[in-house]
Structures are given as C-alpha cells and as structure tokens.
Amino acid sequence: MTVLRVDLPGYAIPSPGAAGRTQPLLGPIGFEVAAGETVALFGPSGCGKTTLLKLIDGLIPGTGITWPSGKPRTAWVFQEPSLLPWRSVADNIALALPAAGDRAIIPALLDSLGLAGWGDAFPNRLSLGMARRVAVARALAAAPDVLLLDEPLASLDAAAAQGLRAVLRRHRLTTLLVTHDFADVAALADRVIVLGGNPTVIRGVFDAWAPGLAERIAAL
C-alpha cells in the first residue's frame, strides 16, 4: 500500500545577495513510499535532502505531496538531539507522548535502546551517541506512523553508529532516512533514492540490497 506519493514540481530558495530573487534548489522529484518501507534519500551535503523532507512533512509549504490515506502522525530524529538540558532523560521523552500517553512505557523504551537506568539523568551526562538514542526514544514515544530521520548517525564513532543502526532496524516503521553515508543505506534501507545535480533531481533509484550498489551509485 502506498503511504506517500511525491510529485514535487521543484523548489526555490532566496538568492544570496539579491533581494526578491530566488534560485532553484530542487528540480522535479517524484517517487512513492510503501507502508513499512525504509527509503533513504542519499546525496551530498547541501543538496536539499533536509529541505525535501520538510516539504514532505509540511514544515515548508509546497505542492506535489500526497498522503493517500491522510496525513499520518510523523516523528523526527535530527542530527542534533535537541534535548532540553533542564529536563531529565525521562522527562524529555515524556514530551512526545500522546495526550493519553502513559509514562510507564519510558523504562521499556530506554531498555530497548541500551539506556536502562538513565531515565533520571540529565543531558549533560550523556555522550553524543547516548543523546541520539534518547532522541530516537522520544520519537518512538510519539507512536508515529512515519519516522523521519535527518542524518541521525552523522559524526558518531563507528561503535555508536553501529549500535544505533541496530536499534533502528528493530523498529520497522515506515521511514524516510536522509543520509550521505552509504553505511546507513546498507544497514537500514530497503530502497535508496540518489539525489544530485543543480538543481537537485533524482539521479537513480535502487534496491538497497542490489549487488554492487556502492559502485553503481559512485558511477552516477
């Protein structure tokens, strides 16, 4: 079942140093996402991947985004964990609970992310990898239908990145993953949409398990 249909005609941003003028960032982009599928939006930094994700979620006004069954509940995990420093780990997670949410789920969420016993800690005690896992727990606490991941593994050391990838694999939600790291594609994605050009367009769409995928992407 198709959850998301993207038929974006393009998107322009203000032109630096030229008041009232714009320059195209994204060209025409079209693809679909099926229920339960993880799709990676792969491309170099600055090519507009995050902008595309914001257009999809409605955080930036645009056209050409269709949710055939209605707009789902979404939750984001950003590169920066954005935890409130004056709230404990558990209280940060509780902010995302639905109105009728029960804080009783928080210990189990933390345990599933390798953070058992850290609920009363404050963010200044956490490593970057731990803070990212708390951000994932907060997103999952929102009970989303669609998970939006914006470079959540960037700048982590290899062990922390591997651990967080394992966590994300256990939660098989419909997911859009923004990344410029092929390791994220190989570990998490069912399909990869390769973005590039100026303005940015789709340069290729591949099954993530396709043989020689890294070489095929590098050849684009």
N, C-alpha and C. Protein backbone atom coordinates (compact mmCIF):
# COMPACT_ATOMS: atom_id res chain seq x y z
N MET A 1 0.84 -1.19 0.00
CA MET A 1 0.00 0.00 0.00
C MET A 1 0.88 1.24 0.00
N THR A 2 0.57 2.17 -0.88
CA THR A 2 1.32 3.43 -0.96
C THR A 2 0.93 4.35 0.19
N VAL A 3 1.91 4.76 0.97
CA VAL A 3 1.69 5.67 2.09
C VAL A 3 1.92 7.12 1.66
N LEU A 4 2.92 7.31 0.81
CA LEU A 4 3.32 8.66 0.41
C LEU A 4 3.58 8.69 -1.09
N ARG A 5 3.08 9.75 -1.72
CA ARG A 5 3.37 9.98 -3.14
C ARG A 5 3.95 11.39 -3.28
N VAL A 6 5.16 11.46 -3.83
CA VAL A 6 5.83 12.74 -4.04
C VAL A 6 5.87 13.03 -5.53
N ASP A 7 5.32 14.18 -5.91
CA ASP A 7 5.37 14.65 -7.30
C ASP A 7 5.70 16.14 -7.25
N LEU A 8 6.88 16.43 -6.76
CA LEU A 8 7.29 17.81 -6.50
C LEU A 8 7.71 18.49 -7.80
N PRO A 9 7.09 19.62 -8.14
CA PRO A 9 7.47 20.31 -9.38
C PRO A 9 8.80 21.04 -9.28
N GLY A 10 9.29 21.25 -8.07
CA GLY A 10 10.53 21.98 -7.84
C GLY A 10 10.40 22.86 -6.61
N TYR A 11 11.53 23.40 -6.19
CA TYR A 11 11.51 24.30 -5.02
C TYR A 11 12.69 25.25 -5.13
N ALA A 12 12.43 26.54 -4.89
CA ALA A 12 13.47 27.57 -4.98
C ALA A 12 13.68 28.21 -3.62
N ILE A 13 14.90 28.70 -3.39
CA ILE A 13 15.26 29.39 -2.15
C ILE A 13 15.70 30.82 -2.49
N PRO A 14 15.66 31.74 -1.51
CA PRO A 14 16.11 33.10 -1.79
C PRO A 14 17.55 33.10 -2.29
N SER A 15 17.82 33.95 -3.26
CA SER A 15 19.16 34.05 -3.83
C SER A 15 20.03 34.94 -2.95
N PRO A 16 21.20 34.46 -2.51
CA PRO A 16 22.05 35.27 -1.63
C PRO A 16 22.44 36.59 -2.29
N GLY A 17 22.25 37.67 -1.54
CA GLY A 17 22.67 38.99 -2.00
C GLY A 17 21.82 39.59 -3.10
N ALA A 18 20.67 38.97 -3.39
CA ALA A 18 19.80 39.51 -4.44
C ALA A 18 18.37 39.54 -3.92
N ALA A 19 18.00 40.65 -3.32
CA ALA A 19 16.69 40.77 -2.69
C ALA A 19 15.58 40.51 -3.69
N GLY A 20 14.63 39.67 -3.29
CA GLY A 20 13.47 39.38 -4.11
C GLY A 20 13.70 38.33 -5.17
N ARG A 21 14.94 37.88 -5.34
CA ARG A 21 15.23 36.87 -6.34
C ARG A 21 15.37 35.50 -5.68
N THR A 22 15.15 34.47 -6.46
CA THR A 22 15.28 33.11 -5.96
C THR A 22 16.18 32.30 -6.89
N GLN A 23 16.66 31.20 -6.35
CA GLN A 23 17.41 30.26 -7.16
C GLN A 23 16.87 28.86 -6.89
N PRO A 24 16.76 28.02 -7.92
CA PRO A 24 16.21 26.68 -7.71
C PRO A 24 17.15 25.82 -6.87
N LEU A 25 16.59 25.16 -5.87
CA LEU A 25 17.35 24.19 -5.08
C LEU A 25 16.99 22.77 -5.51
N LEU A 26 15.69 22.51 -5.64
CA LEU A 26 15.20 21.20 -6.04
C LEU A 26 14.50 21.31 -7.39
N GLY A 27 14.82 20.39 -8.28
CA GLY A 27 14.09 20.28 -9.54
C GLY A 27 12.91 19.35 -9.36
N PRO A 28 12.27 18.93 -10.44
CA PRO A 28 11.17 17.97 -10.33
C PRO A 28 11.64 16.67 -9.71
N ILE A 29 10.93 16.21 -8.70
CA ILE A 29 11.28 14.98 -7.98
C ILE A 29 10.00 14.19 -7.76
N GLY A 30 10.01 12.92 -8.12
CA GLY A 30 8.83 12.08 -7.95
C GLY A 30 9.19 10.68 -7.49
N PHE A 31 8.51 10.19 -6.47
CA PHE A 31 8.67 8.82 -6.00
C PHE A 31 7.53 8.48 -5.06
N GLU A 32 7.41 7.19 -4.72
CA GLU A 32 6.40 6.73 -3.78
C GLU A 32 7.07 5.93 -2.67
N VAL A 33 6.40 5.87 -1.53
CA VAL A 33 6.87 5.09 -0.38
C VAL A 33 5.75 4.16 0.05
N ALA A 34 6.06 2.88 0.22
CA ALA A 34 5.08 1.89 0.63
C ALA A 34 5.07 1.74 2.15
N ALA A 35 3.97 1.26 2.68
CA ALA A 35 3.85 1.03 4.13
C ALA A 35 4.93 0.06 4.58
N GLY A 36 5.61 0.40 5.67
CA GLY A 36 6.64 -0.45 6.24
C GLY A 36 7.99 -0.37 5.57
N GLU A 37 8.10 0.48 4.55
CA GLU A 37 9.34 0.59 3.78
C GLU A 37 10.26 1.66 4.37
N THR A 38 11.57 1.40 4.33
CA THR A 38 12.55 2.42 4.68
C THR A 38 13.22 2.88 3.39
N VAL A 39 13.05 4.16 3.09
CA VAL A 39 13.61 4.75 1.87
C VAL A 39 14.68 5.76 2.28
N ALA A 40 15.88 5.58 1.75
CA ALA A 40 16.97 6.52 2.02
C ALA A 40 17.02 7.57 0.93
N LEU A 41 17.09 8.83 1.35
CA LEU A 41 17.34 9.95 0.44
C LEU A 41 18.82 10.25 0.55
N PHE A 42 19.59 9.85 -0.46
CA PHE A 42 21.05 9.82 -0.39
C PHE A 42 21.62 10.87 -1.33
N GLY A 43 22.56 11.65 -0.82
CA GLY A 43 23.20 12.65 -1.66
C GLY A 43 24.17 13.49 -0.86
N PRO A 44 24.94 14.34 -1.53
CA PRO A 44 25.95 15.13 -0.83
C PRO A 44 25.33 16.18 0.09
N SER A 45 26.10 16.61 1.07
CA SER A 45 25.65 17.67 1.97
C SER A 45 25.31 18.91 1.16
N GLY A 46 24.19 19.55 1.53
CA GLY A 46 23.79 20.79 0.88
C GLY A 46 22.96 20.62 -0.37
N CYS A 47 22.62 19.37 -0.73
CA CYS A 47 21.87 19.18 -1.98
C CYS A 47 20.37 19.34 -1.79
N GLY A 48 19.91 19.56 -0.55
CA GLY A 48 18.48 19.82 -0.33
C GLY A 48 17.71 18.65 0.24
N LYS A 49 18.41 17.63 0.76
CA LYS A 49 17.71 16.45 1.30
C LYS A 49 16.81 16.82 2.47
N THR A 50 17.32 17.63 3.40
CA THR A 50 16.52 18.03 4.55
C THR A 50 15.35 18.91 4.12
N THR A 51 15.59 19.80 3.17
CA THR A 51 14.50 20.63 2.65
C THR A 51 13.41 19.76 2.05
N LEU A 52 13.80 18.73 1.31
CA LEU A 52 12.82 17.82 0.73
C LEU A 52 12.02 17.13 1.82
N LEU A 53 12.69 16.70 2.87
CA LEU A 53 12.00 16.03 3.97
C LEU A 53 11.01 16.99 4.65
N LYS A 54 11.39 18.24 4.82
CA LYS A 54 10.50 19.23 5.42
C LYS A 54 9.30 19.52 4.52
N LEU A 55 9.51 19.55 3.21
CA LEU A 55 8.40 19.72 2.28
C LEU A 55 7.43 18.54 2.39
N ILE A 56 7.99 17.34 2.50
CA ILE A 56 7.15 16.15 2.61
C ILE A 56 6.30 16.20 3.86
N ASP A 57 6.87 16.67 4.97
CA ASP A 57 6.14 16.69 6.23
C ASP A 57 5.27 17.93 6.40
N GLY A 58 5.36 18.87 5.46
CA GLY A 58 4.55 20.07 5.56
C GLY A 58 5.15 21.16 6.42
N LEU A 59 6.41 21.02 6.85
CA LEU A 59 7.05 22.07 7.63
C LEU A 59 7.43 23.25 6.76
N ILE A 60 7.57 23.02 5.46
CA ILE A 60 7.75 24.08 4.47
C ILE A 60 6.59 23.97 3.50
N PRO A 61 5.91 25.07 3.21
CA PRO A 61 4.80 25.00 2.25
C PRO A 61 5.29 24.60 0.87
N GLY A 62 4.54 23.74 0.23
CA GLY A 62 4.90 23.31 -1.12
C GLY A 62 3.75 22.56 -1.75
N THR A 63 3.96 22.09 -2.95
CA THR A 63 2.93 21.34 -3.67
C THR A 63 3.51 20.01 -4.13
N GLY A 64 2.61 19.09 -4.46
CA GLY A 64 3.03 17.82 -5.02
C GLY A 64 3.26 16.72 -4.00
N ILE A 65 2.83 16.92 -2.75
CA ILE A 65 2.98 15.91 -1.71
C ILE A 65 1.59 15.35 -1.40
N THR A 66 1.43 14.04 -1.54
CA THR A 66 0.13 13.41 -1.32
C THR A 66 0.29 12.24 -0.36
N TRP A 67 -0.55 12.23 0.68
CA TRP A 67 -0.66 11.09 1.59
C TRP A 67 -2.00 10.43 1.27
N PRO A 68 -2.03 9.35 0.49
CA PRO A 68 -3.30 8.79 0.01
C PRO A 68 -4.30 8.44 1.11
N SER A 69 -3.82 8.04 2.27
CA SER A 69 -4.74 7.69 3.36
C SER A 69 -4.86 8.80 4.39
N GLY A 70 -4.42 10.00 4.07
CA GLY A 70 -4.46 11.10 5.01
C GLY A 70 -3.10 11.29 5.68
N LYS A 71 -2.85 12.51 6.14
CA LYS A 71 -1.56 12.82 6.76
C LYS A 71 -1.37 11.98 8.01
N PRO A 72 -0.28 11.21 8.07
CA PRO A 72 -0.05 10.35 9.24
C PRO A 72 0.61 11.12 10.38
N ARG A 73 0.67 10.47 11.51
CA ARG A 73 1.47 11.01 12.62
C ARG A 73 2.95 10.77 12.30
N THR A 74 3.74 11.82 12.29
CA THR A 74 5.17 11.70 12.00
C THR A 74 5.99 12.07 13.22
N ALA A 75 7.22 11.58 13.26
CA ALA A 75 8.16 11.95 14.31
C ALA A 75 9.54 12.07 13.68
N TRP A 76 10.29 13.07 14.14
CA TRP A 76 11.61 13.36 13.59
C TRP A 76 12.71 12.93 14.55
N VAL A 77 13.84 12.50 13.97
CA VAL A 77 15.10 12.40 14.71
C VAL A 77 16.13 13.18 13.90
N PHE A 78 16.67 14.24 14.50
CA PHE A 78 17.60 15.12 13.80
C PHE A 78 19.05 14.74 14.12
N GLN A 79 19.97 15.34 13.35
CA GLN A 79 21.39 15.16 13.64
C GLN A 79 21.72 15.67 15.03
N GLU A 80 21.17 16.82 15.39
CA GLU A 80 21.33 17.34 16.75
C GLU A 80 20.19 16.79 17.61
N PRO A 81 20.50 16.14 18.73
CA PRO A 81 19.43 15.53 19.54
C PRO A 81 18.40 16.51 20.07
N SER A 82 18.80 17.78 20.30
CA SER A 82 17.87 18.83 20.74
C SER A 82 17.11 18.44 22.00
N LEU A 83 17.84 17.90 22.98
CA LEU A 83 17.24 17.58 24.27
C LEU A 83 17.22 18.84 25.14
N LEU A 84 16.17 19.00 25.92
CA LEU A 84 16.09 20.15 26.83
C LEU A 84 17.01 19.89 28.02
N PRO A 85 18.03 20.73 28.22
CA PRO A 85 19.04 20.43 29.23
C PRO A 85 18.52 20.48 30.67
N TRP A 86 17.40 21.17 30.89
CA TRP A 86 16.87 21.28 32.24
C TRP A 86 15.87 20.17 32.57
N ARG A 87 15.66 19.25 31.65
CA ARG A 87 14.77 18.12 31.89
C ARG A 87 15.57 16.82 31.87
N SER A 88 15.14 15.88 32.69
CA SER A 88 15.79 14.57 32.70
C SER A 88 15.54 13.84 31.39
N VAL A 89 16.26 12.74 31.20
CA VAL A 89 16.05 11.91 30.02
C VAL A 89 14.58 11.48 29.92
N ALA A 90 14.04 10.98 31.02
CA ALA A 90 12.64 10.52 31.01
C ALA A 90 11.69 11.67 30.71
N ASP A 91 11.95 12.84 31.26
CA ASP A 91 11.06 13.97 31.02
C ASP A 91 11.17 14.46 29.58
N ASN A 92 12.35 14.38 28.98
CA ASN A 92 12.49 14.73 27.57
C ASN A 92 11.65 13.80 26.70
N ILE A 93 11.68 12.52 27.01
CA ILE A 93 10.90 11.54 26.25
C ILE A 93 9.41 11.77 26.45
N ALA A 94 9.02 12.08 27.69
CA ALA A 94 7.60 12.26 28.01
C ALA A 94 6.96 13.39 27.22
N LEU A 95 7.77 14.36 26.77
CA LEU A 95 7.23 15.47 25.99
C LEU A 95 6.56 14.99 24.70
N ALA A 96 6.99 13.84 24.20
CA ALA A 96 6.45 13.35 22.92
C ALA A 96 5.27 12.40 23.08
N LEU A 97 4.95 12.01 24.30
CA LEU A 97 3.85 11.07 24.50
C LEU A 97 2.54 11.66 24.01
N PRO A 98 1.69 10.87 23.36
CA PRO A 98 0.36 11.37 23.02
C PRO A 98 -0.38 11.83 24.26
N ALA A 99 -1.42 12.60 24.07
CA ALA A 99 -2.14 13.18 25.21
C ALA A 99 -2.52 12.15 26.25
N ALA A 100 -2.90 10.96 25.78
CA ALA A 100 -3.29 9.91 26.72
C ALA A 100 -2.13 8.96 27.02
N GLY A 101 -0.92 9.38 26.65
CA GLY A 101 0.25 8.52 26.80
C GLY A 101 0.54 8.21 28.25
N ASP A 102 1.17 7.09 28.47
CA ASP A 102 1.47 6.60 29.81
C ASP A 102 2.99 6.58 29.99
N ARG A 103 3.49 7.32 30.97
CA ARG A 103 4.93 7.35 31.22
C ARG A 103 5.49 5.97 31.55
N ALA A 104 4.63 5.02 31.83
CA ALA A 104 5.10 3.68 32.17
C ALA A 104 5.85 3.01 31.02
N ILE A 105 5.65 3.50 29.78
CA ILE A 105 6.37 2.89 28.66
C ILE A 105 7.82 3.36 28.58
N ILE A 106 8.18 4.41 29.29
CA ILE A 106 9.51 5.01 29.14
C ILE A 106 10.62 4.06 29.57
N PRO A 107 10.55 3.39 30.73
CA PRO A 107 11.63 2.47 31.09
C PRO A 107 11.87 1.38 30.05
N ALA A 108 10.79 0.84 29.49
CA ALA A 108 10.95 -0.20 28.47
C ALA A 108 11.61 0.37 27.21
N LEU A 109 11.23 1.59 26.82
CA LEU A 109 11.87 2.22 25.68
C LEU A 109 13.36 2.41 25.91
N LEU A 110 13.71 2.90 27.08
CA LEU A 110 15.12 3.12 27.40
C LEU A 110 15.88 1.80 27.41
N ASP A 111 15.26 0.77 27.96
CA ASP A 111 15.91 -0.54 28.00
C ASP A 111 16.16 -1.06 26.58
N SER A 112 15.20 -0.86 25.68
CA SER A 112 15.34 -1.35 24.31
C SER A 112 16.45 -0.62 23.57
N LEU A 113 16.82 0.56 24.06
CA LEU A 113 17.86 1.37 23.43
C LEU A 113 19.19 1.29 24.17
N GLY A 114 19.28 0.36 25.13
CA GLY A 114 20.52 0.22 25.88
C GLY A 114 20.76 1.32 26.88
N LEU A 115 19.68 1.95 27.35
CA LEU A 115 19.79 3.08 28.28
C LEU A 115 19.06 2.81 29.59
N ALA A 116 18.93 1.55 29.96
CA ALA A 116 18.27 1.22 31.22
C ALA A 116 18.96 1.93 32.38
N GLY A 117 18.15 2.55 33.25
CA GLY A 117 18.69 3.23 34.42
C GLY A 117 19.10 4.67 34.19
N TRP A 118 18.95 5.16 32.97
CA TRP A 118 19.36 6.53 32.66
C TRP A 118 18.20 7.51 32.66
N GLY A 119 17.02 7.10 33.05
CA GLY A 119 15.86 7.98 32.97
C GLY A 119 15.98 9.23 33.81
N ASP A 120 16.66 9.17 34.95
CA ASP A 120 16.77 10.34 35.82
C ASP A 120 17.98 11.21 35.51
N ALA A 121 18.80 10.77 34.56
CA ALA A 121 20.00 11.55 34.21
C ALA A 121 19.60 12.76 33.37
N PHE A 122 20.48 13.76 33.39
CA PHE A 122 20.27 14.96 32.59
C PHE A 122 21.18 14.92 31.36
N PRO A 123 20.80 15.61 30.29
CA PRO A 123 21.53 15.50 29.03
C PRO A 123 23.03 15.77 29.12
N ASN A 124 23.46 16.60 30.08
CA ASN A 124 24.89 16.90 30.15
C ASN A 124 25.73 15.70 30.59
N ARG A 125 25.08 14.63 31.01
CA ARG A 125 25.80 13.41 31.39
C ARG A 125 25.89 12.41 30.24
N LEU A 126 25.29 12.72 29.12
CA LEU A 126 25.20 11.78 28.02
C LEU A 126 26.27 12.03 26.97
N SER A 127 26.80 10.96 26.39
CA SER A 127 27.63 11.09 25.19
C SER A 127 26.72 11.44 24.02
N LEU A 128 27.32 11.83 22.89
CA LEU A 128 26.52 12.15 21.72
C LEU A 128 25.72 10.94 21.26
N GLY A 129 26.34 9.76 21.29
CA GLY A 129 25.62 8.56 20.89
C GLY A 129 24.44 8.26 21.79
N MET A 130 24.61 8.45 23.10
CA MET A 130 23.51 8.23 24.03
C MET A 130 22.40 9.26 23.82
N ALA A 131 22.79 10.52 23.59
CA ALA A 131 21.78 11.57 23.36
C ALA A 131 20.98 11.27 22.10
N ARG A 132 21.63 10.75 21.07
CA ARG A 132 20.91 10.40 19.85
C ARG A 132 19.91 9.27 20.14
N ARG A 133 20.31 8.31 20.98
CA ARG A 133 19.38 7.22 21.32
C ARG A 133 18.19 7.74 22.11
N VAL A 134 18.42 8.72 22.97
CA VAL A 134 17.29 9.34 23.69
C VAL A 134 16.37 10.03 22.68
N ALA A 135 16.94 10.69 21.69
CA ALA A 135 16.12 11.34 20.66
C ALA A 135 15.29 10.31 19.90
N VAL A 136 15.87 9.14 19.63
CA VAL A 136 15.11 8.07 18.98
C VAL A 136 13.99 7.60 19.90
N ALA A 137 14.28 7.43 21.19
CA ALA A 137 13.25 7.02 22.16
C ALA A 137 12.12 8.04 22.20
N ARG A 138 12.46 9.31 22.16
CA ARG A 138 11.43 10.36 22.17
C ARG A 138 10.56 10.27 20.92
N ALA A 139 11.18 10.02 19.77
CA ALA A 139 10.40 9.88 18.54
C ALA A 139 9.48 8.67 18.60
N LEU A 140 9.97 7.55 19.11
CA LEU A 140 9.16 6.34 19.20
C LEU A 140 8.03 6.51 20.21
N ALA A 141 8.26 7.31 21.26
CA ALA A 141 7.23 7.54 22.27
C ALA A 141 6.01 8.24 21.67
N ALA A 142 6.21 8.94 20.58
CA ALA A 142 5.10 9.64 19.92
C ALA A 142 4.20 8.69 19.16
N ALA A 143 4.55 7.40 19.11
CA ALA A 143 3.77 6.39 18.38
C ALA A 143 3.53 6.83 16.94
N PRO A 144 4.60 7.15 16.19
CA PRO A 144 4.40 7.68 14.83
C PRO A 144 4.02 6.58 13.85
N ASP A 145 3.35 7.01 12.81
CA ASP A 145 3.11 6.13 11.67
C ASP A 145 4.30 6.16 10.72
N VAL A 146 4.96 7.32 10.65
CA VAL A 146 6.11 7.51 9.77
C VAL A 146 7.23 8.16 10.56
N LEU A 147 8.43 7.58 10.45
CA LEU A 147 9.61 8.10 11.13
C LEU A 147 10.47 8.84 10.11
N LEU A 148 10.88 10.06 10.46
CA LEU A 148 11.70 10.90 9.59
C LEU A 148 13.06 11.07 10.25
N LEU A 149 14.10 10.55 9.61
CA LEU A 149 15.44 10.54 10.18
C LEU A 149 16.34 11.46 9.36
N ASP A 150 16.83 12.52 9.99
CA ASP A 150 17.65 13.50 9.30
C ASP A 150 19.10 13.40 9.79
N GLU A 151 19.89 12.56 9.13
CA GLU A 151 21.30 12.36 9.47
C GLU A 151 21.50 12.01 10.95
N PRO A 152 20.73 11.09 11.52
CA PRO A 152 20.85 10.82 12.96
C PRO A 152 22.14 10.12 13.35
N LEU A 153 22.90 9.62 12.37
CA LEU A 153 24.13 8.89 12.68
C LEU A 153 25.38 9.69 12.34
N ALA A 154 25.21 10.91 11.85
CA ALA A 154 26.36 11.71 11.45
C ALA A 154 27.25 12.01 12.64
N SER A 155 28.56 11.93 12.44
CA SER A 155 29.60 12.29 13.41
C SER A 155 29.68 11.35 14.61
N LEU A 156 28.96 10.23 14.57
CA LEU A 156 29.12 9.24 15.63
C LEU A 156 30.33 8.37 15.33
N ASP A 157 31.00 7.87 16.40
CA ASP A 157 32.07 6.92 16.15
C ASP A 157 31.46 5.60 15.65
N ALA A 158 32.30 4.73 15.14
CA ALA A 158 31.82 3.52 14.46
C ALA A 158 30.97 2.65 15.37
N ALA A 159 31.40 2.49 16.63
CA ALA A 159 30.66 1.63 17.55
C ALA A 159 29.29 2.21 17.88
N ALA A 160 29.24 3.54 18.13
CA ALA A 160 27.96 4.18 18.46
C ALA A 160 27.02 4.13 17.26
N ALA A 161 27.55 4.36 16.06
CA ALA A 161 26.71 4.31 14.86
C ALA A 161 26.16 2.91 14.64
N GLN A 162 27.00 1.91 14.83
CA GLN A 162 26.55 0.53 14.65
C GLN A 162 25.45 0.18 15.64
N GLY A 163 25.61 0.62 16.89
CA GLY A 163 24.59 0.35 17.90
C GLY A 163 23.26 1.02 17.58
N LEU A 164 23.31 2.26 17.10
CA LEU A 164 22.07 2.96 16.79
C LEU A 164 21.40 2.37 15.55
N ARG A 165 22.20 1.94 14.59
CA ARG A 165 21.61 1.27 13.42
C ARG A 165 20.87 0.00 13.85
N ALA A 166 21.44 -0.73 14.79
CA ALA A 166 20.78 -1.95 15.27
C ALA A 166 19.44 -1.62 15.93
N VAL A 167 19.40 -0.53 16.68
CA VAL A 167 18.15 -0.11 17.32
C VAL A 167 17.10 0.23 16.27
N LEU A 168 17.49 1.00 15.28
CA LEU A 168 16.54 1.43 14.25
C LEU A 168 16.03 0.25 13.43
N ARG A 169 16.86 -0.76 13.24
CA ARG A 169 16.42 -1.94 12.48
C ARG A 169 15.33 -2.70 13.22
N ARG A 170 15.34 -2.62 14.55
CA ARG A 170 14.35 -3.38 15.33
C ARG A 170 12.96 -2.76 15.25
N HIS A 171 12.88 -1.49 14.90
CA HIS A 171 11.60 -0.78 14.85
C HIS A 171 11.24 -0.56 13.38
N ARG A 172 10.48 -1.47 12.82
CA ARG A 172 10.21 -1.46 11.38
C ARG A 172 9.02 -0.55 11.05
N LEU A 173 9.22 0.73 11.24
CA LEU A 173 8.22 1.72 10.85
C LEU A 173 8.46 2.17 9.41
N THR A 174 7.44 2.70 8.79
CA THR A 174 7.65 3.39 7.52
C THR A 174 8.60 4.56 7.81
N THR A 175 9.71 4.61 7.06
CA THR A 175 10.78 5.54 7.42
C THR A 175 11.36 6.20 6.19
N LEU A 176 11.62 7.51 6.32
CA LEU A 176 12.42 8.25 5.35
C LEU A 176 13.71 8.66 6.03
N LEU A 177 14.82 8.26 5.44
CA LEU A 177 16.14 8.47 6.04
C LEU A 177 16.97 9.37 5.14
N VAL A 178 17.35 10.54 5.65
CA VAL A 178 18.26 11.43 4.96
C VAL A 178 19.68 11.08 5.38
N THR A 179 20.56 10.84 4.40
CA THR A 179 21.94 10.50 4.73
C THR A 179 22.86 10.77 3.55
N HIS A 180 24.14 10.98 3.87
CA HIS A 180 25.16 11.00 2.82
C HIS A 180 26.18 9.90 3.07
N ASP A 181 25.84 8.96 3.97
CA ASP A 181 26.74 7.88 4.35
C ASP A 181 26.19 6.56 3.80
N PHE A 182 26.97 5.92 2.92
CA PHE A 182 26.49 4.68 2.32
C PHE A 182 26.28 3.59 3.36
N ALA A 183 27.01 3.62 4.47
CA ALA A 183 26.84 2.61 5.52
C ALA A 183 25.42 2.64 6.08
N ASP A 184 24.82 3.82 6.17
CA ASP A 184 23.43 3.93 6.64
C ASP A 184 22.47 3.27 5.65
N VAL A 185 22.74 3.49 4.37
CA VAL A 185 21.90 2.87 3.33
C VAL A 185 21.97 1.36 3.43
N ALA A 186 23.19 0.84 3.51
CA ALA A 186 23.39 -0.61 3.53
C ALA A 186 22.76 -1.25 4.76
N ALA A 187 22.78 -0.55 5.89
CA ALA A 187 22.30 -1.13 7.14
C ALA A 187 20.80 -0.99 7.34
N LEU A 188 20.19 0.06 6.78
CA LEU A 188 18.83 0.42 7.18
C LEU A 188 17.80 0.43 6.06
N ALA A 189 18.22 0.69 4.84
CA ALA A 189 17.25 0.99 3.79
C ALA A 189 16.78 -0.24 3.03
N ASP A 190 15.54 -0.17 2.55
CA ASP A 190 15.04 -1.12 1.56
C ASP A 190 15.30 -0.60 0.15
N ARG A 191 15.22 0.72 0.02
CA ARG A 191 15.42 1.36 -1.27
C ARG A 191 16.18 2.65 -1.06
N VAL A 192 16.99 3.04 -2.05
CA VAL A 192 17.74 4.29 -1.95
C VAL A 192 17.44 5.15 -3.17
N ILE A 193 17.12 6.41 -2.90
CA ILE A 193 16.90 7.41 -3.95
C ILE A 193 18.12 8.33 -3.93
N VAL A 194 18.89 8.30 -5.01
CA VAL A 194 20.13 9.06 -5.09
C VAL A 194 19.83 10.42 -5.69
N LEU A 195 20.18 11.46 -4.95
CA LEU A 195 19.89 12.84 -5.36
C LEU A 195 21.19 13.54 -5.75
N GLY A 196 21.10 14.43 -6.72
CA GLY A 196 22.27 15.20 -7.12
C GLY A 196 21.91 16.17 -8.23
N GLY A 197 22.92 16.91 -8.67
CA GLY A 197 22.70 17.89 -9.73
C GLY A 197 22.43 19.27 -9.19
N ASN A 198 22.26 20.21 -10.09
CA ASN A 198 21.98 21.60 -9.71
C ASN A 198 21.01 22.21 -10.73
N PRO A 199 19.72 22.32 -10.38
CA PRO A 199 19.10 21.95 -9.10
C PRO A 199 19.07 20.44 -8.91
N THR A 200 18.81 20.04 -7.67
CA THR A 200 18.83 18.64 -7.31
C THR A 200 17.65 17.88 -7.90
N VAL A 201 17.96 16.76 -8.51
CA VAL A 201 16.94 15.86 -9.06
C VAL A 201 17.32 14.43 -8.68
N ILE A 202 16.45 13.50 -8.98
CA ILE A 202 16.76 12.09 -8.75
C ILE A 202 17.69 11.59 -9.84
N ARG A 203 18.84 11.06 -9.44
CA ARG A 203 19.81 10.53 -10.40
C ARG A 203 19.74 9.02 -10.52
N GLY A 204 19.07 8.37 -9.56
CA GLY A 204 18.93 6.93 -9.63
C GLY A 204 18.11 6.42 -8.46
N VAL A 205 17.42 5.30 -8.66
CA VAL A 205 16.65 4.64 -7.61
C VAL A 205 17.05 3.16 -7.63
N PHE A 206 17.47 2.64 -6.47
CA PHE A 206 17.99 1.28 -6.40
C PHE A 206 17.41 0.55 -5.19
N ASP A 207 17.25 -0.76 -5.32
CA ASP A 207 17.02 -1.59 -4.15
C ASP A 207 18.31 -1.59 -3.34
N ALA A 208 18.19 -1.44 -2.02
CA ALA A 208 19.38 -1.29 -1.19
C ALA A 208 20.23 -2.56 -1.15
N TRP A 209 19.62 -3.70 -1.48
CA TRP A 209 20.36 -4.95 -1.45
C TRP A 209 20.97 -5.30 -2.81
N ALA A 210 20.83 -4.42 -3.80
CA ALA A 210 21.31 -4.71 -5.15
C ALA A 210 22.82 -4.94 -5.15
N PRO A 211 23.30 -5.98 -5.84
CA PRO A 211 24.75 -6.23 -5.90
C PRO A 211 25.49 -5.03 -6.52
N GLY A 212 26.65 -4.73 -5.96
CA GLY A 212 27.46 -3.63 -6.49
C GLY A 212 26.84 -2.27 -6.34
N LEU A 213 25.98 -2.09 -5.33
CA LEU A 213 25.24 -0.84 -5.21
C LEU A 213 26.18 0.36 -5.02
N ALA A 214 27.18 0.21 -4.15
CA ALA A 214 28.08 1.34 -3.90
C ALA A 214 28.76 1.79 -5.19
N GLU A 215 29.18 0.84 -5.99
CA GLU A 215 29.85 1.18 -7.26
C GLU A 215 28.87 1.84 -8.23
N ARG A 216 27.63 1.36 -8.25
CA ARG A 216 26.64 1.94 -9.16
C ARG A 216 26.31 3.35 -8.77
N ILE A 217 26.22 3.62 -7.46
CA ILE A 217 25.96 4.99 -7.01
C ILE A 217 27.14 5.89 -7.32
N ALA A 218 28.35 5.38 -7.08
CA ALA A 218 29.55 6.19 -7.32
C ALA A 218 29.70 6.54 -8.80
N ALA A 219 29.15 5.71 -9.68
CA ALA A 219 29.28 5.95 -11.12
C ALA A 219 28.29 6.97 -11.65
N LEU A 220 27.31 7.38 -10.83
CA LEU A 220 26.30 8.33 -11.31
C LEU A 220 26.92 9.73 -11.52
